[in-house]
């Protein structure tokens, strides 16, 4: 973390809630905490959150020390210079950024990359394009997407079969 950023965080904390000023987190500590929260959510099979305000509220409810991180993240977008539509787009990018960074720390944290890959596949994006984006680390490879689609299809078929046999 740059010394200018650290000073900004320290200054901000001096003017905020006194009980949090002793709990300043480094960037890596923040990402570690976020990653742990997201991993727990994945284990509980909770869906990803794609709305920044909701994502922030959930994360801060798990650990109040994350508030300064989200304040800085939001302020880094220069919101006073943006219109409402632009800020809505940016808020989605901020959430994706959080998932992306946490995914670097632990690849089992979320399904964001898989969800994006599934979406692109559903829009008939070519496997070459999907695999190129996967090489950039943005989504999962087309083979994994196909595997996931087949698994979902088989699970759905079994669910339908069990419901039909239960009724008869």
Protein backbone atom coordinates (compact mmCIF):
# COMPACT_ATOMS: atom_id res chain seq x y z
CA UNK A 1 0.00 0.00 0.00
CA UNK A 2 1.43 3.38 -0.93
CA UNK A 3 2.33 5.75 1.88
CA UNK A 4 -0.06 8.35 0.44
CA UNK A 5 -2.92 5.84 0.53
CA UNK A 6 -1.97 4.73 4.05
CA UNK A 7 -1.98 8.33 5.23
CA UNK A 8 -5.36 8.88 3.60
CA UNK A 9 -6.76 5.83 5.39
CA UNK A 10 -5.28 7.00 8.69
CA UNK A 11 -6.67 10.51 8.22
CA UNK A 12 -10.07 9.14 7.27
CA UNK A 13 -10.13 6.85 10.31
CA UNK A 14 -9.24 9.73 12.63
CA UNK A 15 -12.43 11.47 11.48
CA UNK A 16 -14.64 8.39 11.55
CA UNK A 17 -15.89 6.02 14.19
CA UNK A 18 -13.37 5.84 17.03
CA UNK A 19 -13.93 2.15 17.71
CA UNK A 20 -12.65 1.22 14.23
CA UNK A 21 -9.55 3.40 14.21
CA UNK A 22 -7.52 0.69 15.96
CA UNK A 23 -8.58 -1.87 13.38
CA UNK A 24 -7.06 -0.55 10.17
CA UNK A 25 -6.60 -3.39 7.71
CA UNK A 26 -3.95 -3.65 5.05
CA UNK A 27 -5.07 -4.38 1.50
CA UNK A 28 -3.97 -8.02 1.77
CA UNK A 29 -5.77 -8.43 5.12
CA UNK A 30 -8.92 -6.98 3.58
CA UNK A 31 -8.75 -9.35 0.62
CA UNK A 32 -8.15 -12.26 2.99
CA UNK A 33 -11.26 -11.40 4.99
CA UNK A 34 -13.37 -10.88 1.86
CA UNK A 35 -12.12 -14.16 0.43
CA UNK A 36 -13.03 -16.04 3.62
CA UNK A 37 -16.53 -14.53 3.63
CA UNK A 38 -17.07 -15.35 -0.05
CA UNK A 39 -15.75 -18.89 0.45
CA UNK A 40 -18.20 -19.46 3.32
CA UNK A 41 -21.03 -18.16 1.16
CA UNK A 42 -20.04 -20.54 -1.63
CA UNK A 43 -19.92 -23.49 0.79
CA UNK A 44 -23.45 -22.58 1.88
CA UNK A 45 -24.37 -22.48 -1.83
CA UNK A 46 -25.47 -18.86 -1.62
CA UNK A 47 -25.54 -17.10 -5.01
CA UNK A 48 -23.08 -14.39 -5.96
CA UNK A 49 -24.19 -10.83 -5.23
CA UNK A 50 -23.91 -8.49 -8.21
CA UNK A 51 -25.23 -5.24 -6.71
CA UNK A 52 -22.48 -3.20 -5.04
CA UNK A 53 -24.65 -1.76 -2.24
CA UNK A 54 -25.93 -5.22 -1.35
CA UNK A 55 -22.45 -6.78 -1.65
CA UNK A 56 -20.98 -4.08 0.56
CA UNK A 57 -23.76 -4.41 3.15
CA UNK A 58 -23.33 -8.19 3.37
CA UNK A 59 -19.54 -7.97 3.64
CA UNK A 60 -19.63 -5.18 6.24
CA UNK A 61 -22.23 -7.09 8.28
CA UNK A 62 -19.71 -9.93 8.48
CA UNK A 63 -16.78 -7.67 9.45
CA UNK A 64 -17.21 -3.97 10.27
CA UNK A 65 -13.52 -3.32 9.54
CA UNK A 66 -14.27 -3.64 5.82
CA UNK A 67 -16.12 -0.33 5.83
CA UNK A 68 -13.01 1.76 5.12
CA UNK A 69 -12.05 -0.54 2.23
CA UNK A 70 -15.44 -0.12 0.60
CA UNK A 71 -15.37 3.63 1.21
CA UNK A 72 -11.99 3.84 -0.53
CA UNK A 73 -13.09 1.54 -3.34
CA UNK A 74 -16.19 3.65 -3.96
CA UNK A 75 -14.30 6.95 -3.72
CA UNK A 76 -11.68 5.66 -6.17
CA UNK A 77 -14.36 5.74 -8.88
CA UNK A 78 -14.65 9.53 -8.57
CA UNK A 79 -18.45 9.32 -8.10
CA UNK A 80 -19.03 13.08 -7.88
CA UNK A 81 -17.95 13.40 -11.52
CA UNK A 82 -20.18 10.59 -12.85
CA UNK A 83 -23.87 10.46 -13.72
CA UNK A 84 -26.29 7.89 -12.26
CA UNK A 85 -26.16 5.49 -15.25
CA UNK A 86 -22.37 5.46 -15.29
CA UNK A 87 -22.25 4.82 -11.53
CA UNK A 88 -24.66 1.87 -11.93
CA UNK A 89 -22.29 0.32 -14.46
CA UNK A 90 -19.29 1.08 -12.28
CA UNK A 91 -20.94 -0.50 -9.24
CA UNK A 92 -21.21 -3.79 -11.13
CA UNK A 93 -17.57 -3.49 -12.13
CA UNK A 94 -16.59 -2.93 -8.48
CA UNK A 95 -18.34 -6.12 -7.44
CA UNK A 96 -16.69 -8.05 -10.26
CA UNK A 97 -13.35 -6.57 -9.24
CA UNK A 98 -13.85 -7.82 -5.67
CA UNK A 99 -14.76 -11.31 -6.91
CA UNK A 100 -11.82 -11.26 -9.32
CA UNK A 101 -9.25 -10.26 -6.69
CA UNK A 102 -10.61 -12.77 -4.18
CA UNK A 103 -10.58 -15.40 -6.95
CA UNK A 104 -6.85 -14.79 -7.39
CA UNK A 105 -6.36 -15.55 -3.70
CA UNK A 106 -8.61 -18.65 -3.75
CA UNK A 107 -10.03 -20.05 -6.98
CA UNK A 108 -12.79 -21.84 -5.08
CA UNK A 109 -14.24 -18.61 -3.70
CA UNK A 110 -17.10 -18.06 -6.10
CA UNK A 111 -18.77 -18.93 -9.34
CA UNK A 112 -18.44 -15.45 -10.82
CA UNK A 113 -16.06 -16.60 -13.56
CA UNK A 114 -18.25 -19.60 -14.29
CA UNK A 115 -21.43 -17.50 -14.25
CA UNK A 116 -19.92 -15.05 -16.72
CA UNK A 117 -18.73 -17.92 -18.91
CA UNK A 118 -22.17 -19.54 -18.81
CA UNK A 119 -23.75 -16.24 -19.77
CA UNK A 120 -21.38 -15.78 -22.72
CA UNK A 121 -22.01 -19.38 -23.78
CA UNK A 122 -25.78 -18.76 -23.66
CA UNK A 123 -25.32 -15.81 -26.03
CA UNK A 124 -23.59 -18.17 -28.47
CA UNK A 125 -20.16 -16.63 -27.95
CA UNK A 126 -17.61 -18.85 -29.68
CA UNK A 127 -15.46 -21.27 -27.68
CA UNK A 128 -12.39 -19.51 -29.07
CA UNK A 129 -13.54 -16.21 -27.56
CA UNK A 130 -14.45 -17.88 -24.27
CA UNK A 131 -11.08 -19.62 -24.09
CA UNK A 132 -9.27 -16.36 -24.90
CA UNK A 133 -11.07 -14.63 -22.02
CA UNK A 134 -10.24 -17.64 -19.84
CA UNK A 135 -6.54 -17.26 -20.65
CA UNK A 136 -6.85 -13.68 -19.34
CA UNK A 137 -8.30 -15.12 -16.13
CA UNK A 138 -11.73 -13.52 -16.57
CA UNK A 139 -13.86 -16.65 -17.01
CA UNK A 140 -13.54 -20.43 -17.01
CA UNK A 141 -12.57 -22.37 -20.14
CA UNK A 142 -15.21 -23.60 -22.56
CA UNK A 143 -14.57 -27.25 -21.61
CA UNK A 144 -15.48 -26.54 -17.96
CA UNK A 145 -18.56 -24.61 -19.09
CA UNK A 146 -19.67 -27.59 -21.19
CA UNK A 147 -19.01 -29.93 -18.26
CA UNK A 148 -21.09 -27.70 -15.96
CA UNK A 149 -23.95 -27.49 -18.47
CA UNK A 150 -23.99 -31.30 -18.76
CA UNK A 151 -23.94 -31.70 -14.97
CA UNK A 152 -26.84 -29.26 -14.57
CA UNK A 153 -28.75 -31.04 -17.33
CA UNK A 154 -28.22 -34.46 -15.70
CA UNK A 155 -29.24 -33.13 -12.28
CA UNK A 156 -32.35 -31.59 -13.79
CA UNK A 157 -33.24 -34.86 -15.57
CA UNK A 158 -32.85 -36.82 -12.32
CA UNK A 159 -34.99 -34.30 -10.46
CA UNK A 160 -37.75 -34.56 -13.09
CA UNK A 161 -37.57 -38.37 -13.08
CA UNK A 162 -37.80 -38.54 -9.29
CA UNK A 163 -40.77 -36.12 -9.25
CA UNK A 164 -42.58 -38.09 -11.94
CA UNK A 165 -41.96 -41.46 -10.23
CA UNK A 166 -43.03 -39.96 -6.89
CA UNK A 167 -46.38 -38.88 -8.33
CA UNK A 168 -47.14 -42.31 -9.79
